[in-house]
Amino acid sequence: MSRDPAGAVVTGAGRGLGGLIAGALVERGHRVLVTDLDAEAARATAAALGPEVGWAAVDVRDEAQVTAARDRALAEAGRLDVWVNNAGVLATGPAWEQPPDVRRLMIEVNALGTVNGTVAAIGAMRETGGHIVNVVSLAGLTAVPGEAVYAASKHAALGFSLSTLADLRLAGIKGIDISCVCPDGIWTPMLHDKLDDPASALSFSGKLLRPEEVVAAVRGVLDRPRPVTAVPRRRGLQVRLADALPSLGLRALPLAVARGRRVQRRMLARRRAG
C-alpha cells in the first residue's frame, strides 16, 4: 500500500502461524489486534509483540464477537487495512468415524469463521479499501484421505473467498482484495501430535513447511494480491492436476499416503531418540 499502514486483525493468532503473521504485520507498521479463542494465549502473544499490540478473545464462529473485534480495531486505528483469517481446526479420520460435534467444529471454525471474518472486514473496508488474506490449505484444492471434513471446510473457504472477490468486482468495488494462501502441511501445533496418526499421513507427504515460509507467502500477497497462492508452488501444481483428473489423482493417493507415513515414522523416531 502506498499510504501509511493502519489497523490489522489476525484470527487464531495466539500461537503458531497466526502469531508469526501478527508479528509480520507489526513489522510492517500496522496496529495489530491479536485474536484467539484462548484469551491467555492472545494476551501473551500481544504482550510479546509490543505495547501497541492489542488482543481479544474471539470465537470466530460467533459473528457478534468477530464484528466487535472489527469495531475495536477500527476505533483504535482509525482504519482497517488488513484482516487475516487464520483460525483453523484439524481432526483426522474418516468422516463416518468422527463424532458429529467434531465435524461441526471443523466446518464452523474453518468455513463459517472465514465467512464471518471476511464479511466483517468488508464492512470496514468498503469506503477505505483493504486486503483480506484467508489462510486456507492445499486441502482446499484437492482430495485428502483421512481429512475429508477438514478438506470440505477448506474447499468451502476457498470457494467463498473467490466468489466473494468476484462479487466485489461485479459490484464495482476495486479497493478490496481477497487473497487465499494455500500451504502444504506446516510444522505447527496443529501437526505436532500427528506423527503417529496414519489418517494425517498426506499432510506429511510433501515438503513439511516451516511457519516462516508461509509468513513469507502472506507478505508476498500483501505486496502483490493474488486470488490463490499455493505453498510451495510446485506442490500446488501437482494437486491442481490431481483435482483436474480425479480418477488419476485417486489412484496416485496411496503412494502419497505411503510416503507421508514414512516421513511420520522418521520424525517420530527422531523425537523418541532425542
C-alpha atoms as a PDB file:
ATOM      1  CA  MET A   1       0.000   0.000   0.000  1.00  0.00           C
ATOM      2  CA  SER A   2       1.273   3.468  -0.769  1.00  0.00           C
ATOM      3  CA  ARG A   3      -0.451   5.013   2.272  1.00  0.00           C
ATOM      4  CA  ASP A   4       0.715   4.571   5.838  1.00  0.00           C
ATOM      5  CA  PRO A   5      -0.452   1.250   7.299  1.00  0.00           C
ATOM      6  CA  ALA A   6      -3.280   1.309   9.825  1.00  0.00           C
ATOM      7  CA  GLY A   7      -5.263  -1.394  11.603  1.00  0.00           C
ATOM      8  CA  ALA A   8      -4.913  -5.153  11.131  1.00  0.00           C
ATOM      9  CA  VAL A   9      -6.700  -8.126  12.700  1.00  0.00           C
ATOM     10  CA  VAL A  10      -5.411 -11.705  12.797  1.00  0.00           C
ATOM     11  CA  THR A  11      -7.613 -14.576  13.976  1.00  0.00           C
ATOM     12  CA  GLY A  12      -6.172 -17.682  15.601  1.00  0.00           C
ATOM     13  CA  ALA A  13      -3.083 -15.644  16.461  1.00  0.00           C
ATOM     14  CA  GLY A  14      -2.463 -16.836  19.996  1.00  0.00           C
ATOM     15  CA  ARG A  15       0.279 -19.214  18.863  1.00  0.00           C
ATOM     16  CA  GLY A  16       1.934 -20.825  15.866  1.00  0.00           C
ATOM     17  CA  LEU A  17       1.428 -19.419  12.399  1.00  0.00           C
ATOM     18  CA  GLY A  18      -1.101 -16.788  13.448  1.00  0.00           C
ATOM     19  CA  GLY A  19       1.270 -15.302  16.000  1.00  0.00           C
ATOM     20  CA  LEU A  20       4.029 -15.071  13.391  1.00  0.00           C
ATOM     21  CA  ILE A  21       1.674 -13.400  10.904  1.00  0.00           C
ATOM     22  CA  ALA A  22       0.712 -10.879  13.578  1.00  0.00           C
ATOM     23  CA  GLY A  23       4.415 -10.200  14.162  1.00  0.00           C
ATOM     24  CA  ALA A  24       4.989  -9.646  10.453  1.00  0.00           C
ATOM     25  CA  LEU A  25       2.166  -7.110  10.378  1.00  0.00           C
ATOM     26  CA  VAL A  26       3.630  -5.297  13.371  1.00  0.00           C
ATOM     27  CA  GLU A  27       6.937  -5.113  11.499  1.00  0.00           C
ATOM     28  CA  ARG A  28       5.093  -3.577   8.539  1.00  0.00           C
ATOM     29  CA  GLY A  29       3.816  -0.806  10.804  1.00  0.00           C
ATOM     30  CA  HIS A  30       0.238  -1.968  11.362  1.00  0.00           C
ATOM     31  CA  ARG A  31      -1.613  -1.510  14.621  1.00  0.00           C
ATOM     32  CA  VAL A  32      -2.453  -5.165  15.184  1.00  0.00           C
ATOM     33  CA  LEU A  33      -5.265  -6.783  17.130  1.00  0.00           C
ATOM     34  CA  VAL A  34      -4.346 -10.366  18.051  1.00  0.00           C
ATOM     35  CA  THR A  35      -7.429 -12.565  18.449  1.00  0.00           C
ATOM     36  CA  ASP A  36      -7.795 -16.146  19.587  1.00  0.00           C
ATOM     37  CA  LEU A  37     -10.341 -18.383  21.267  1.00  0.00           C
ATOM     38  CA  ASP A  38      -7.752 -18.787  24.051  1.00  0.00           C
ATOM     39  CA  ALA A  39      -7.722 -15.414  25.820  1.00  0.00           C
ATOM     40  CA  GLU A  40      -4.480 -16.075  27.694  1.00  0.00           C
ATOM     41  CA  ALA A  41      -2.667 -17.119  24.504  1.00  0.00           C
ATOM     42  CA  ALA A  42      -3.868 -13.981  22.717  1.00  0.00           C
ATOM     43  CA  ARG A  43      -2.775 -11.787  25.628  1.00  0.00           C
ATOM     44  CA  ALA A  44       0.667 -13.405  25.824  1.00  0.00           C
ATOM     45  CA  THR A  45       1.291 -13.101  22.075  1.00  0.00           C
ATOM     46  CA  ALA A  46       0.229  -9.457  22.061  1.00  0.00           C
ATOM     47  CA  ALA A  47       2.461  -8.681  25.038  1.00  0.00           C
ATOM     48  CA  ALA A  48       5.438 -10.320  23.315  1.00  0.00           C
ATOM     49  CA  LEU A  49       4.871  -8.250  20.164  1.00  0.00           C
ATOM     50  CA  GLY A  50       4.864  -4.870  21.881  1.00  0.00           C
ATOM     51  CA  PRO A  51       2.873  -2.410  23.966  1.00  0.00           C
ATOM     52  CA  GLU A  52       0.879  -1.114  20.998  1.00  0.00           C
ATOM     53  CA  VAL A  53      -0.459  -4.557  20.095  1.00  0.00           C
ATOM     54  CA  GLY A  54      -3.987  -5.286  21.292  1.00  0.00           C
ATOM     55  CA  TRP A  55      -5.637  -8.596  21.974  1.00  0.00           C
ATOM     56  CA  ALA A  56      -9.130 -10.024  22.277  1.00  0.00           C
ATOM     57  CA  ALA A  57     -10.711 -13.388  22.957  1.00  0.00           C
ATOM     58  CA  VAL A  58     -12.734 -14.167  19.839  1.00  0.00           C
ATOM     59  CA  ASP A  59     -14.640 -17.265  18.797  1.00  0.00           C
ATOM     60  CA  VAL A  60     -14.728 -16.903  15.016  1.00  0.00           C
ATOM     61  CA  ARG A  61     -17.934 -18.952  14.888  1.00  0.00           C
ATOM     62  CA  ASP A  62     -19.724 -16.100  16.679  1.00  0.00           C
ATOM     63  CA  GLU A  63     -20.478 -13.267  14.257  1.00  0.00           C
ATOM     64  CA  ALA A  64     -21.080 -10.798  17.097  1.00  0.00           C
ATOM     65  CA  GLN A  65     -17.623 -11.433  18.573  1.00  0.00           C
ATOM     66  CA  VAL A  66     -15.983 -11.082  15.172  1.00  0.00           C
ATOM     67  CA  THR A  67     -17.823  -7.825  14.486  1.00  0.00           C
ATOM     68  CA  ALA A  68     -16.838  -6.498  17.908  1.00  0.00           C
ATOM     69  CA  ALA A  69     -13.171  -7.206  17.126  1.00  0.00           C
ATOM     70  CA  ARG A  70     -13.581  -5.368  13.826  1.00  0.00           C
ATOM     71  CA  ASP A  71     -15.136  -2.366  15.533  1.00  0.00           C
ATOM     72  CA  ARG A  72     -12.411  -2.256  18.160  1.00  0.00           C
ATOM     73  CA  ALA A  73      -9.669  -2.351  15.525  1.00  0.00           C
ATOM     74  CA  LEU A  74     -11.382   0.487  13.671  1.00  0.00           C
ATOM     75  CA  ALA A  75     -11.760   2.563  16.810  1.00  0.00           C
ATOM     76  CA  GLU A  76      -8.120   2.130  17.812  1.00  0.00           C
ATOM     77  CA  ALA A  77      -6.507   2.527  14.382  1.00  0.00           C
ATOM     78  CA  GLY A  78      -8.992   4.721  12.547  1.00  0.00           C
ATOM     79  CA  ARG A  79      -8.965   2.455   9.500  1.00  0.00           C
ATOM     80  CA  LEU A  80      -8.782  -1.273   8.856  1.00  0.00           C
ATOM     81  CA  ASP A  81      -6.203  -2.188   6.223  1.00  0.00           C
ATOM     82  CA  VAL A  82      -5.680  -5.930   6.704  1.00  0.00           C
ATOM     83  CA  TRP A  83      -7.733  -8.810   8.024  1.00  0.00           C
ATOM     84  CA  VAL A  84      -6.184 -12.276   8.185  1.00  0.00           C
ATOM     85  CA  ASN A  85      -8.496 -15.257   8.679  1.00  0.00           C
ATOM     86  CA  ASN A  86      -6.062 -17.776  10.105  1.00  0.00           C
ATOM     87  CA  ALA A  87      -8.051 -19.635  12.782  1.00  0.00           C
ATOM     88  CA  GLY A  88      -8.383 -23.309  11.939  1.00  0.00           C
ATOM     89  CA  VAL A  89      -9.116 -26.721  13.425  1.00  0.00           C
ATOM     90  CA  LEU A  90      -7.960 -30.129  12.182  1.00  0.00           C
ATOM     91  CA  ALA A  91      -9.311 -33.519  13.245  1.00  0.00           C
ATOM     92  CA  THR A  92      -8.412 -36.608  11.230  1.00  0.00           C
ATOM     93  CA  GLY A  93     -10.084 -39.868  10.346  1.00  0.00           C
ATOM     94  CA  PRO A  94     -12.893 -40.988   8.052  1.00  0.00           C
ATOM     95  CA  ALA A  95     -15.955 -38.773   8.342  1.00  0.00           C
ATOM     96  CA  TRP A  96     -18.134 -41.696   9.452  1.00  0.00           C
ATOM     97  CA  GLU A  97     -15.855 -42.305  12.440  1.00  0.00           C
ATOM     98  CA  GLN A  98     -15.868 -38.715  13.697  1.00  0.00           C
ATOM     99  CA  PRO A  99     -18.393 -37.529  16.275  1.00  0.00           C
ATOM    100  CA  PRO A 100     -20.938 -35.046  14.893  1.00  0.00           C
ATOM    101  CA  ASP A 101     -19.665 -32.265  17.150  1.00  0.00           C
ATOM    102  CA  VAL A 102     -16.132 -32.683  15.759  1.00  0.00           C
ATOM    103  CA  ARG A 103     -17.362 -32.492  12.172  1.00  0.00           C
ATOM    104  CA  ARG A 104     -19.430 -29.429  13.019  1.00  0.00           C
ATOM    105  CA  LEU A 105     -16.468 -27.761  14.771  1.00  0.00           C
ATOM    106  CA  MET A 106     -14.254 -28.021  11.691  1.00  0.00           C
ATOM    107  CA  ILE A 107     -16.936 -26.744   9.338  1.00  0.00           C
ATOM    108  CA  GLU A 108     -17.846 -23.853  11.621  1.00  0.00           C
ATOM    109  CA  VAL A 109     -14.321 -22.699  12.514  1.00  0.00           C
ATOM    110  CA  ASN A 110     -12.679 -23.219   9.120  1.00  0.00           C
ATOM    111  CA  ALA A 111     -15.551 -22.223   6.827  1.00  0.00           C
ATOM    112  CA  LEU A 112     -18.028 -20.142   8.826  1.00  0.00           C
ATOM    113  CA  GLY A 113     -15.150 -18.420  10.640  1.00  0.00           C
ATOM    114  CA  THR A 114     -13.729 -17.360   7.274  1.00  0.00           C
ATOM    115  CA  VAL A 115     -17.151 -16.117   6.178  1.00  0.00           C
ATOM    116  CA  ASN A 116     -17.648 -14.129   9.400  1.00  0.00           C
ATOM    117  CA  GLY A 117     -14.205 -12.540   9.249  1.00  0.00           C
ATOM    118  CA  THR A 118     -14.425 -11.679   5.569  1.00  0.00           C
ATOM    119  CA  VAL A 119     -17.875 -10.124   5.846  1.00  0.00           C
ATOM    120  CA  ALA A 120     -16.850  -8.110   8.904  1.00  0.00           C
ATOM    121  CA  ALA A 121     -13.725  -6.852   7.152  1.00  0.00           C
ATOM    122  CA  ILE A 122     -15.635  -5.854   4.016  1.00  0.00           C
ATOM    123  CA  GLY A 123     -17.963  -3.809   6.194  1.00  0.00           C
ATOM    124  CA  ALA A 124     -14.991  -1.799   7.424  1.00  0.00           C
ATOM    125  CA  MET A 125     -13.195  -1.564   4.067  1.00  0.00           C
ATOM    126  CA  ARG A 126     -15.998  -0.536   1.712  1.00  0.00           C
ATOM    127  CA  GLU A 127     -15.029   3.143   1.777  1.00  0.00           C
ATOM    128  CA  THR A 128     -11.310   2.998   2.506  1.00  0.00           C
ATOM    129  CA  GLY A 129     -10.171  -0.215   0.809  1.00  0.00           C
ATOM    130  CA  GLY A 130      -8.144  -3.007   2.319  1.00  0.00           C
ATOM    131  CA  HIS A 131      -6.881  -6.541   1.973  1.00  0.00           C
ATOM    132  CA  ILE A 132      -8.344  -9.775   3.317  1.00  0.00           C
ATOM    133  CA  VAL A 133      -5.954 -12.722   3.496  1.00  0.00           C
ATOM    134  CA  ASN A 134      -7.529 -16.123   4.055  1.00  0.00           C
ATOM    135  CA  VAL A 135      -5.171 -18.878   5.149  1.00  0.00           C
ATOM    136  CA  VAL A 136      -6.750 -21.910   3.500  1.00  0.00           C
ATOM    137  CA  SER A 137      -4.743 -25.072   2.694  1.00  0.00           C
ATOM    138  CA  LEU A 138      -3.808 -27.306  -0.200  1.00  0.00           C
ATOM    139  CA  ALA A 139      -6.649 -29.394   1.249  1.00  0.00           C
ATOM    140  CA  GLY A 140      -8.916 -26.766  -0.270  1.00  0.00           C
ATOM    141  CA  LEU A 141      -7.720 -27.722  -3.754  1.00  0.00           C
ATOM    142  CA  THR A 142      -7.896 -31.498  -3.885  1.00  0.00           C
ATOM    143  CA  ALA A 143      -8.963 -34.749  -2.210  1.00  0.00           C
ATOM    144  CA  VAL A 144      -7.323 -35.507   1.146  1.00  0.00           C
ATOM    145  CA  PRO A 145      -7.909 -39.004   2.539  1.00  0.00           C
ATOM    146  CA  GLY A 146      -8.023 -39.031   6.313  1.00  0.00           C
ATOM    147  CA  GLU A 147      -9.068 -35.392   6.374  1.00  0.00           C
ATOM    148  CA  ALA A 148     -12.359 -35.397   4.447  1.00  0.00           C
ATOM    149  CA  VAL A 149     -14.299 -32.963   6.630  1.00  0.00           C
ATOM    150  CA  TYR A 150     -11.286 -30.702   7.023  1.00  0.00           C
ATOM    151  CA  ALA A 151     -10.868 -30.694   3.240  1.00  0.00           C
ATOM    152  CA  ALA A 152     -14.569 -29.936   2.811  1.00  0.00           C
ATOM    153  CA  SER A 153     -14.275 -26.959   5.143  1.00  0.00           C
ATOM    154  CA  LYS A 154     -11.251 -25.656   3.253  1.00  0.00           C
ATOM    155  CA  HIS A 155     -12.928 -26.158  -0.137  1.00  0.00           C
ATOM    156  CA  ALA A 156     -15.802 -24.093   1.258  1.00  0.00           C
ATOM    157  CA  ALA A 157     -13.436 -21.368   2.461  1.00  0.00           C
ATOM    158  CA  LEU A 158     -11.736 -21.177  -0.929  1.00  0.00           C
ATOM    159  CA  GLY A 159     -14.982 -21.197  -2.895  1.00  0.00           C
ATOM    160  CA  PHE A 160     -16.436 -18.498  -0.674  1.00  0.00           C
ATOM    161  CA  SER A 161     -13.333 -16.326  -0.961  1.00  0.00           C
ATOM    162  CA  LEU A 162     -13.109 -16.455  -4.746  1.00  0.00           C
ATOM    163  CA  SER A 163     -16.849 -15.990  -5.196  1.00  0.00           C
ATOM    164  CA  THR A 164     -16.872 -13.016  -2.843  1.00  0.00           C
ATOM    165  CA  LEU A 165     -13.958 -11.473  -4.705  1.00  0.00           C
ATOM    166  CA  ALA A 166     -15.970 -11.862  -7.906  1.00  0.00           C
ATOM    167  CA  ASP A 167     -18.986 -10.255  -6.219  1.00  0.00           C
ATOM    168  CA  LEU A 168     -16.842  -7.290  -5.147  1.00  0.00           C
ATOM    169  CA  ARG A 169     -15.607  -6.735  -8.667  1.00  0.00           C
ATOM    170  CA  LEU A 170     -19.089  -7.097 -10.179  1.00  0.00           C
ATOM    171  CA  ALA A 171     -20.316  -4.513  -7.665  1.00  0.00           C
ATOM    172  CA  GLY A 172     -17.600  -2.123  -8.862  1.00  0.00           C
ATOM    173  CA  ILE A 173     -15.618  -2.392  -5.622  1.00  0.00           C
ATOM    174  CA  LYS A 174     -11.967  -2.485  -6.656  1.00  0.00           C
ATOM    175  CA  GLY A 175     -10.328  -1.296  -3.458  1.00  0.00           C
ATOM    176  CA  ILE A 176     -10.772  -4.546  -1.536  1.00  0.00           C
ATOM    177  CA  ASP A 177      -8.556  -7.530  -2.350  1.00  0.00           C
ATOM    178  CA  ILE A 178      -9.018 -11.104  -1.167  1.00  0.00           C
ATOM    179  CA  SER A 179      -6.001 -13.397  -1.309  1.00  0.00           C
ATOM    180  CA  CYS A 180      -6.028 -17.082  -0.361  1.00  0.00           C
ATOM    181  CA  VAL A 181      -2.787 -18.658   0.802  1.00  0.00           C
ATOM    182  CA  CYS A 182      -2.920 -22.448   0.454  1.00  0.00           C
ATOM    183  CA  PRO A 183       0.035 -24.107   2.194  1.00  0.00           C
ATOM    184  CA  ASP A 184       1.029 -27.746   2.322  1.00  0.00           C
ATOM    185  CA  GLY A 185       1.477 -29.299   5.774  1.00  0.00           C
ATOM    186  CA  ILE A 186       3.058 -26.857   8.238  1.00  0.00           C
ATOM    187  CA  TRP A 187       5.079 -27.891  11.275  1.00  0.00           C
ATOM    188  CA  THR A 188       2.925 -26.062  13.819  1.00  0.00           C
ATOM    189  CA  PRO A 189       0.984 -27.238  16.906  1.00  0.00           C
ATOM    190  CA  MET A 190      -1.753 -28.440  14.525  1.00  0.00           C
ATOM    191  CA  LEU A 191       0.570 -31.278  13.404  1.00  0.00           C
ATOM    192  CA  HIS A 192       2.801 -31.712  16.433  1.00  0.00           C
ATOM    193  CA  ASP A 193       0.650 -34.528  17.824  1.00  0.00           C
ATOM    194  CA  LYS A 194       0.007 -36.217  14.466  1.00  0.00           C
ATOM    195  CA  LEU A 195       3.254 -38.148  13.980  1.00  0.00           C
ATOM    196  CA  ASP A 196       1.646 -41.449  14.991  1.00  0.00           C
ATOM    197  CA  ASP A 197      -1.665 -40.713  13.261  1.00  0.00           C
ATOM    198  CA  PRO A 198      -1.977 -42.611   9.950  1.00  0.00           C
ATOM    199  CA  ALA A 199      -5.023 -40.545   8.966  1.00  0.00           C
ATOM    200  CA  SER A 200      -2.892 -37.409   8.740  1.00  0.00           C
ATOM    201  CA  ALA A 201      -0.215 -39.015   6.534  1.00  0.00           C
ATOM    202  CA  LEU A 202      -0.990 -36.896   3.472  1.00  0.00           C
ATOM    203  CA  SER A 203      -0.058 -33.753   5.421  1.00  0.00           C
ATOM    204  CA  PHE A 204       3.470 -35.188   5.687  1.00  0.00           C
ATOM    205  CA  SER A 205       3.747 -36.435   2.116  1.00  0.00           C
ATOM    206  CA  GLY A 206       5.165 -33.250   0.603  1.00  0.00           C
ATOM    207  CA  LYS A 207       7.556 -30.607   1.857  1.00  0.00           C
ATOM    208  CA  LEU A 208       6.734 -30.064   5.509  1.00  0.00           C
ATOM    209  CA  LEU A 209       6.773 -26.300   5.685  1.00  0.00           C
ATOM    210  CA  ARG A 210       8.284 -24.093   8.325  1.00  0.00           C
ATOM    211  CA  PRO A 211       5.787 -21.454   9.539  1.00  0.00           C
ATOM    212  CA  GLU A 212       8.170 -18.746   8.361  1.00  0.00           C
ATOM    213  CA  GLU A 213       7.749 -19.937   4.770  1.00  0.00           C
ATOM    214  CA  VAL A 214       4.008 -19.374   4.974  1.00  0.00           C
ATOM    215  CA  VAL A 215       4.513 -15.978   6.599  1.00  0.00           C
ATOM    216  CA  ALA A 216       6.719 -15.081   3.623  1.00  0.00           C
ATOM    217  CA  ALA A 217       3.844 -16.044   1.306  1.00  0.00           C
ATOM    218  CA  VAL A 218       1.489 -13.815   3.290  1.00  0.00           C
ATOM    219  CA  ARG A 219       3.947 -10.949   2.967  1.00  0.00           C
ATOM    220  CA  GLY A 220       4.098 -11.636  -0.754  1.00  0.00           C
ATOM    221  CA  VAL A 221       0.353 -11.385  -1.314  1.00  0.00           C
ATOM    222  CA  LEU A 222       0.142  -8.267   0.839  1.00  0.00           C
ATOM    223  CA  ASP A 223       2.616  -6.648  -1.556  1.00  0.00           C
ATOM    224  CA  ARG A 224       1.034  -8.180  -4.641  1.00  0.00           C
ATOM    225  CA  PRO A 225      -2.507  -9.523  -4.155  1.00  0.00           C
ATOM    226  CA  ARG A 226      -3.285 -12.860  -5.804  1.00  0.00           C
ATOM    227  CA  PRO A 227      -6.545 -14.804  -5.553  1.00  0.00           C
ATOM    228  CA  VAL A 228      -4.763 -18.117  -4.851  1.00  0.00           C
ATOM    229  CA  THR A 229      -1.177 -18.775  -3.815  1.00  0.00           C
ATOM    230  CA  ALA A 230      -0.092 -22.387  -3.240  1.00  0.00           C
ATOM    231  CA  VAL A 231       2.911 -23.009  -0.994  1.00  0.00           C
ATOM    232  CA  PRO A 232       5.108 -24.499  -2.305  1.00  0.00           C
ATOM    233  CA  ARG A 233       4.167 -23.634  -5.865  1.00  0.00           C
ATOM    234  CA  ARG A 234       5.197 -26.986  -7.365  1.00  0.00           C
ATOM    235  CA  ARG A 235       3.048 -28.893  -4.884  1.00  0.00           C
ATOM    236  CA  GLY A 236       0.151 -26.627  -5.806  1.00  0.00           C
ATOM    237  CA  LEU A 237       0.535 -27.559  -9.461  1.00  0.00           C
ATOM    238  CA  GLN A 238       0.542 -31.255  -8.540  1.00  0.00           C
ATOM    239  CA  VAL A 239      -2.665 -31.097  -6.516  1.00  0.00           C
ATOM    240  CA  ARG A 240      -4.411 -28.995  -9.161  1.00  0.00           C
ATOM    241  CA  LEU A 241      -3.549 -31.652 -11.739  1.00  0.00           C
ATOM    242  CA  ALA A 242      -4.895 -34.350  -9.420  1.00  0.00           C
ATOM    243  CA  ASP A 243      -8.084 -32.336  -8.962  1.00  0.00           C
ATOM    244  CA  ALA A 244      -8.460 -31.817 -12.724  1.00  0.00           C
ATOM    245  CA  LEU A 245      -8.077 -35.565 -13.306  1.00  0.00           C
ATOM    246  CA  PRO A 246      -9.761 -37.047 -10.232  1.00  0.00           C
ATOM    247  CA  SER A 247      -9.604 -40.697 -11.318  1.00  0.00           C
ATOM    248  CA  LEU A 248      -5.856 -40.433 -11.879  1.00  0.00           C
ATOM    249  CA  GLY A 249      -5.419 -38.454  -8.666  1.00  0.00           C
ATOM    250  CA  LEU A 250      -7.277 -41.033  -6.588  1.00  0.00           C
ATOM    251  CA  ARG A 251      -5.091 -43.816  -7.983  1.00  0.00           C
ATOM    252  CA  ALA A 252      -1.957 -41.883  -7.013  1.00  0.00           C
ATOM    253  CA  LEU A 253      -3.083 -41.158  -3.461  1.00  0.00           C
ATOM    254  CA  PRO A 254      -1.952 -44.477  -1.899  1.00  0.00           C
ATOM    255  CA  LEU A 255       1.620 -43.714  -2.980  1.00  0.00           C
ATOM    256  CA  ALA A 256       1.437 -40.240  -1.438  1.00  0.00           C
ATOM    257  CA  VAL A 257      -0.024 -41.645   1.782  1.00  0.00           C
ATOM    258  CA  ALA A 258       2.746 -44.261   1.976  1.00  0.00           C
ATOM    259  CA  ARG A 259       5.359 -41.547   1.517  1.00  0.00           C
ATOM    260  CA  GLY A 260       3.746 -39.499   4.275  1.00  0.00           C
ATOM    261  CA  ARG A 261       3.757 -42.473   6.653  1.00  0.00           C
ATOM    262  CA  ARG A 262       7.483 -42.951   6.064  1.00  0.00           C
ATOM    263  CA  VAL A 263       8.100 -39.299   6.949  1.00  0.00           C
ATOM    264  CA  GLN A 264       5.965 -39.620  10.078  1.00  0.00           C
ATOM    265  CA  ARG A 265       7.884 -42.688  11.234  1.00  0.00           C
ATOM    266  CA  ARG A 266      11.256 -40.998  10.695  1.00  0.00           C
ATOM    267  CA  MET A 267      10.188 -37.882  12.581  1.00  0.00           C
ATOM    268  CA  LEU A 268       8.694 -39.936  15.401  1.00  0.00           C
ATOM    269  CA  ALA A 269      11.886 -41.988  15.719  1.00  0.00           C
ATOM    270  CA  ARG A 270      13.967 -38.797  15.941  1.00  0.00           C
ATOM    271  CA  ARG A 271      11.666 -37.382  18.595  1.00  0.00           C
ATOM    272  CA  ARG A 272      11.908 -40.519  20.711  1.00  0.00           C
ATOM    273  CA  ALA A 273      15.674 -40.697  20.304  1.00  0.00           C
ATOM    274  CA  GLY A 274      16.286 -37.103  21.120  1.00  0.00           C
END
